[in-house]
């Protein structure tokens, strides 16, 4: 399970305005037309996917429910995956 909150660098309780601001900032930095890096298109797609899910109320609710369920069913594996996305994001900034 991808941690869309970590992808956008926001808290899980972020308001819609925070989600939009984080998306706009990251999208402008990672857009392939503005960023010549070879991994920019893939990162840009991840940011778009995260935004599409978290900006839609119903998709976000379902995502949050699945995220909580994953933490309950496989807490160690899920925590490891969340931390890996978080650490990868920090190291690549």
C-alpha atoms as a PDB file:
ATOM      1  CA  UNK A   1       0.000   0.000   0.000  1.00  0.00           C
ATOM      2  CA  UNK A   2       1.396   3.373  -0.999  1.00  0.00           C
ATOM      3  CA  UNK A   3       1.421   6.084   1.616  1.00  0.00           C
ATOM      4  CA  UNK A   4      -0.122   8.965  -0.293  1.00  0.00           C
ATOM      5  CA  UNK A   5       0.311  11.291   2.665  1.00  0.00           C
ATOM      6  CA  UNK A   6       4.070  10.688   2.634  1.00  0.00           C
ATOM      7  CA  UNK A   7       4.160  11.138  -1.149  1.00  0.00           C
ATOM      8  CA  UNK A   8       2.702  14.633  -0.725  1.00  0.00           C
ATOM      9  CA  UNK A   9       4.610  15.303   2.496  1.00  0.00           C
ATOM     10  CA  UNK A  10       1.505  16.063   4.544  1.00  0.00           C
ATOM     11  CA  UNK A  11      -0.120  14.774   7.726  1.00  0.00           C
ATOM     12  CA  UNK A  12      -2.918  12.211   7.575  1.00  0.00           C
ATOM     13  CA  UNK A  13      -5.355  14.766   8.985  1.00  0.00           C
ATOM     14  CA  UNK A  14      -4.493  17.435   6.412  1.00  0.00           C
ATOM     15  CA  UNK A  15      -7.291  19.650   5.158  1.00  0.00           C
ATOM     16  CA  UNK A  16      -8.186  19.731   1.475  1.00  0.00           C
ATOM     17  CA  UNK A  17      -6.466  23.117   1.112  1.00  0.00           C
ATOM     18  CA  UNK A  18      -3.219  21.608   2.468  1.00  0.00           C
ATOM     19  CA  UNK A  19      -3.519  18.712   0.036  1.00  0.00           C
ATOM     20  CA  UNK A  20      -3.987  21.112  -2.890  1.00  0.00           C
ATOM     21  CA  UNK A  21      -1.065  23.305  -1.833  1.00  0.00           C
ATOM     22  CA  UNK A  22       1.255  20.319  -1.393  1.00  0.00           C
ATOM     23  CA  UNK A  23       0.193  18.926  -4.770  1.00  0.00           C
ATOM     24  CA  UNK A  24       0.721  22.209  -6.598  1.00  0.00           C
ATOM     25  CA  UNK A  25       4.147  22.678  -5.048  1.00  0.00           C
ATOM     26  CA  UNK A  26       5.331  19.153  -5.815  1.00  0.00           C
ATOM     27  CA  UNK A  27       3.756  19.053  -9.262  1.00  0.00           C
ATOM     28  CA  UNK A  28       5.525  22.251 -10.272  1.00  0.00           C
ATOM     29  CA  UNK A  29       8.849  20.858  -9.012  1.00  0.00           C
ATOM     30  CA  UNK A  30       8.472  17.443 -10.629  1.00  0.00           C
ATOM     31  CA  UNK A  31       6.674  18.248 -13.878  1.00  0.00           C
ATOM     32  CA  UNK A  32       8.686  16.656 -16.690  1.00  0.00           C
ATOM     33  CA  UNK A  33       8.606  19.911 -18.692  1.00  0.00           C
ATOM     34  CA  UNK A  34      10.347  21.731 -15.823  1.00  0.00           C
ATOM     35  CA  UNK A  35      12.461  18.981 -14.258  1.00  0.00           C
ATOM     36  CA  UNK A  36      15.067  17.323 -16.512  1.00  0.00           C
ATOM     37  CA  UNK A  37      15.730  14.495 -14.025  1.00  0.00           C
ATOM     38  CA  UNK A  38      15.178  11.026 -15.462  1.00  0.00           C
ATOM     39  CA  UNK A  39      13.001  10.015 -12.504  1.00  0.00           C
ATOM     40  CA  UNK A  40      10.828  13.156 -12.593  1.00  0.00           C
ATOM     41  CA  UNK A  41       8.033  11.590 -14.721  1.00  0.00           C
ATOM     42  CA  UNK A  42       7.641   8.636 -12.347  1.00  0.00           C
ATOM     43  CA  UNK A  43       7.649  10.872  -9.280  1.00  0.00           C
ATOM     44  CA  UNK A  44       5.186  13.221 -10.972  1.00  0.00           C
ATOM     45  CA  UNK A  45       2.808  10.292 -11.632  1.00  0.00           C
ATOM     46  CA  UNK A  46       3.015   9.251  -7.947  1.00  0.00           C
ATOM     47  CA  UNK A  47       2.150  12.793  -6.878  1.00  0.00           C
ATOM     48  CA  UNK A  48      -0.790  12.873  -9.300  1.00  0.00           C
ATOM     49  CA  UNK A  49      -2.049   9.508  -8.045  1.00  0.00           C
ATOM     50  CA  UNK A  50      -1.817  10.659  -4.435  1.00  0.00           C
ATOM     51  CA  UNK A  51      -3.645  13.898  -5.203  1.00  0.00           C
ATOM     52  CA  UNK A  52      -6.401  12.160  -7.173  1.00  0.00           C
ATOM     53  CA  UNK A  53      -7.071   9.871  -4.226  1.00  0.00           C
ATOM     54  CA  UNK A  54      -6.753  12.327  -1.351  1.00  0.00           C
ATOM     55  CA  UNK A  55      -8.615  15.215  -2.990  1.00  0.00           C
ATOM     56  CA  UNK A  56     -11.736  13.109  -3.603  1.00  0.00           C
ATOM     57  CA  UNK A  57     -13.757  12.700  -0.399  1.00  0.00           C
ATOM     58  CA  UNK A  58     -15.012   9.190  -1.172  1.00  0.00           C
ATOM     59  CA  UNK A  59     -11.669   7.892  -2.471  1.00  0.00           C
ATOM     60  CA  UNK A  60      -9.889   9.351   0.554  1.00  0.00           C
ATOM     61  CA  UNK A  61     -12.335   7.727   2.976  1.00  0.00           C
ATOM     62  CA  UNK A  62     -11.819   4.331   1.329  1.00  0.00           C
ATOM     63  CA  UNK A  63      -8.048   4.831   1.256  1.00  0.00           C
ATOM     64  CA  UNK A  64      -7.990   5.783   4.950  1.00  0.00           C
ATOM     65  CA  UNK A  65     -10.104   2.745   5.868  1.00  0.00           C
ATOM     66  CA  UNK A  66      -7.762   0.438   3.961  1.00  0.00           C
ATOM     67  CA  UNK A  67      -4.762   2.130   5.530  1.00  0.00           C
ATOM     68  CA  UNK A  68      -6.137   1.604   9.034  1.00  0.00           C
ATOM     69  CA  UNK A  69      -7.040  -1.999   8.224  1.00  0.00           C
ATOM     70  CA  UNK A  70      -3.510  -2.652   6.970  1.00  0.00           C
ATOM     71  CA  UNK A  71      -2.115  -1.269  10.201  1.00  0.00           C
ATOM     72  CA  UNK A  72      -4.353  -3.619  12.178  1.00  0.00           C
ATOM     73  CA  UNK A  73      -3.793  -6.739  10.078  1.00  0.00           C
ATOM     74  CA  UNK A  74      -0.043  -6.385   9.428  1.00  0.00           C
ATOM     75  CA  UNK A  75       1.236  -3.627  11.697  1.00  0.00           C
ATOM     76  CA  UNK A  76       4.944  -4.338  11.356  1.00  0.00           C
ATOM     77  CA  UNK A  77       4.915  -4.726   7.567  1.00  0.00           C
ATOM     78  CA  UNK A  78       2.709  -1.680   7.090  1.00  0.00           C
ATOM     79  CA  UNK A  79       4.782   0.466   9.447  1.00  0.00           C
ATOM     80  CA  UNK A  80       7.976  -0.619   7.690  1.00  0.00           C
ATOM     81  CA  UNK A  81       6.509   0.317   4.306  1.00  0.00           C
ATOM     82  CA  UNK A  82       5.247   3.699   5.545  1.00  0.00           C
ATOM     83  CA  UNK A  83       8.627   4.508   7.086  1.00  0.00           C
ATOM     84  CA  UNK A  84      10.426   3.447   3.910  1.00  0.00           C
ATOM     85  CA  UNK A  85       8.337   5.863   1.809  1.00  0.00           C
ATOM     86  CA  UNK A  86       8.961   8.575   4.395  1.00  0.00           C
ATOM     87  CA  UNK A  87      12.733   8.017   4.564  1.00  0.00           C
ATOM     88  CA  UNK A  88      13.017   7.766   0.776  1.00  0.00           C
ATOM     89  CA  UNK A  89      11.185  11.079   0.487  1.00  0.00           C
ATOM     90  CA  UNK A  90      13.507  12.778   2.949  1.00  0.00           C
ATOM     91  CA  UNK A  91      16.673  11.411   1.375  1.00  0.00           C
ATOM     92  CA  UNK A  92      15.613  12.497  -2.124  1.00  0.00           C
ATOM     93  CA  UNK A  93      14.798  16.092  -1.152  1.00  0.00           C
END
